[in-house]
Protein backbone atom coordinates (compact mmCIF):
# COMPACT_ATOMS: atom_id res chain seq x y z
CA MET A 1 -7.69 1.01 4.84
CA LYS A 2 -9.07 -2.14 6.37
CA TYR A 3 -5.18 -3.79 6.13
CA PRO A 4 -2.21 -2.40 8.50
CA TYR A 5 0.22 -1.80 5.95
CA GLU A 6 2.09 1.20 5.85
CA ILE A 7 1.36 3.60 2.98
CA LYS A 8 3.75 5.74 1.49
CA VAL A 9 2.42 8.73 -1.15
CA PHE A 10 4.99 10.83 -2.93
CA PHE A 11 5.25 12.69 -6.44
CA ASP A 12 6.91 11.32 -9.25
CA ILE A 13 8.88 14.56 -11.42
CA ARG A 14 9.53 12.37 -13.97
CA ASP A 15 5.88 10.87 -14.85
CA GLN A 16 4.03 14.02 -13.09
CA ILE A 17 1.86 11.90 -11.06
CA TRP A 18 1.58 11.40 -7.39
CA VAL A 19 2.18 7.29 -6.38
CA ALA A 20 1.04 5.25 -3.24
CA VAL A 21 3.12 2.24 -2.43
CA SER A 22 3.76 -0.41 0.54
CA ASP A 23 6.69 -1.89 0.96
CA ASP A 24 5.15 -4.50 2.64
CA LEU A 25 3.53 -5.41 -0.71
CA PRO A 26 5.77 -5.76 -3.18
CA GLY A 27 5.07 -5.00 -6.75
CA CYS A 28 1.85 -2.85 -5.60
CA SER A 29 1.26 0.88 -6.54
CA ALA A 30 -1.39 3.03 -7.90
CA GLY A 31 -1.20 6.82 -9.11
CA GLY A 32 -3.31 9.46 -9.45
CA ALA A 33 -3.43 13.01 -10.36
CA THR A 34 -3.92 14.19 -6.65
CA PRO A 35 -2.79 12.36 -3.26
CA VAL A 36 -6.30 11.37 -2.52
CA GLU A 37 -6.73 9.92 -5.94
CA ALA A 38 -3.42 7.75 -5.82
CA LEU A 39 -4.59 6.47 -2.13
CA GLN A 40 -7.86 5.61 -3.64
CA GLU A 41 -6.37 3.85 -6.73
CA PHE A 42 -4.05 2.16 -4.06
CA GLU A 43 -7.28 0.67 -2.22
CA LEU A 44 -8.37 -1.41 -5.56
CA ALA A 45 -4.67 -2.43 -6.16
CA VAL A 46 -4.36 -3.93 -2.90
CA GLU A 47 -7.59 -5.48 -3.45
CA ALA A 48 -6.19 -7.06 -6.83
CA TRP A 49 -2.76 -7.65 -5.10
CA ILE A 50 -4.65 -9.64 -2.22
CA GLU A 51 -6.66 -11.83 -4.76
CA ALA A 52 -3.76 -12.70 -6.51
CA LEU A 53 -1.92 -13.84 -3.85
CA GLU A 54 -4.50 -15.57 -2.25
CA SER A 55 -5.37 -17.35 -5.37
CA THR A 56 -1.76 -18.89 -5.67
CA GLY A 57 -2.53 -20.07 -2.05
CA LYS A 58 0.12 -17.61 -0.12
CA SER A 59 -0.73 -15.81 3.26
CA LEU A 60 -0.56 -11.90 3.56
CA PRO A 61 2.74 -10.79 5.03
CA ILE A 62 2.92 -9.35 8.09
CA PRO A 63 3.42 -5.81 8.27
CA LYS A 64 6.69 -4.52 9.12
CA GLY A 65 7.17 -3.48 12.83
CA MET A 66 4.60 -5.84 13.77
CA GLY A 67 5.59 -9.19 15.34
CA VAL A 68 3.42 -12.17 15.64
CA GLY A 69 1.33 -11.48 18.40
CA SER A 70 2.59 -8.37 18.79
CA GLY A 71 -1.07 -6.61 19.22
CA GLU A 72 0.34 -3.52 17.50
CA ARG A 73 -1.80 -2.48 14.57
CA GLN A 74 0.24 0.60 12.18
CA SER A 75 -1.43 2.38 9.52
CA THR A 76 -0.01 5.60 8.24
CA THR A 77 0.35 7.89 5.50
CA ALA A 78 3.16 10.39 4.53
CA VAL A 79 2.52 12.60 1.87
CA THR A 80 5.75 14.33 0.10
CA GLY A 81 6.38 16.30 -2.62
């Protein structure tokens, strides 16, 4: 992913689907039959989420754990299930 947001991937037992989300991008999520598919779909969802945000004139959120000017970049994926 070209954006430095932490992604969480988990299996939703109720819906029987893998889900990818990021706490940094409220309301942005995607699902798939496998963890890889959920991540691929999430990439598309993030692009649409960012496009919608920018169309309102808002800027991208700063990823949690990254202060302004920190120079850090975090991007992790945790798969559970």
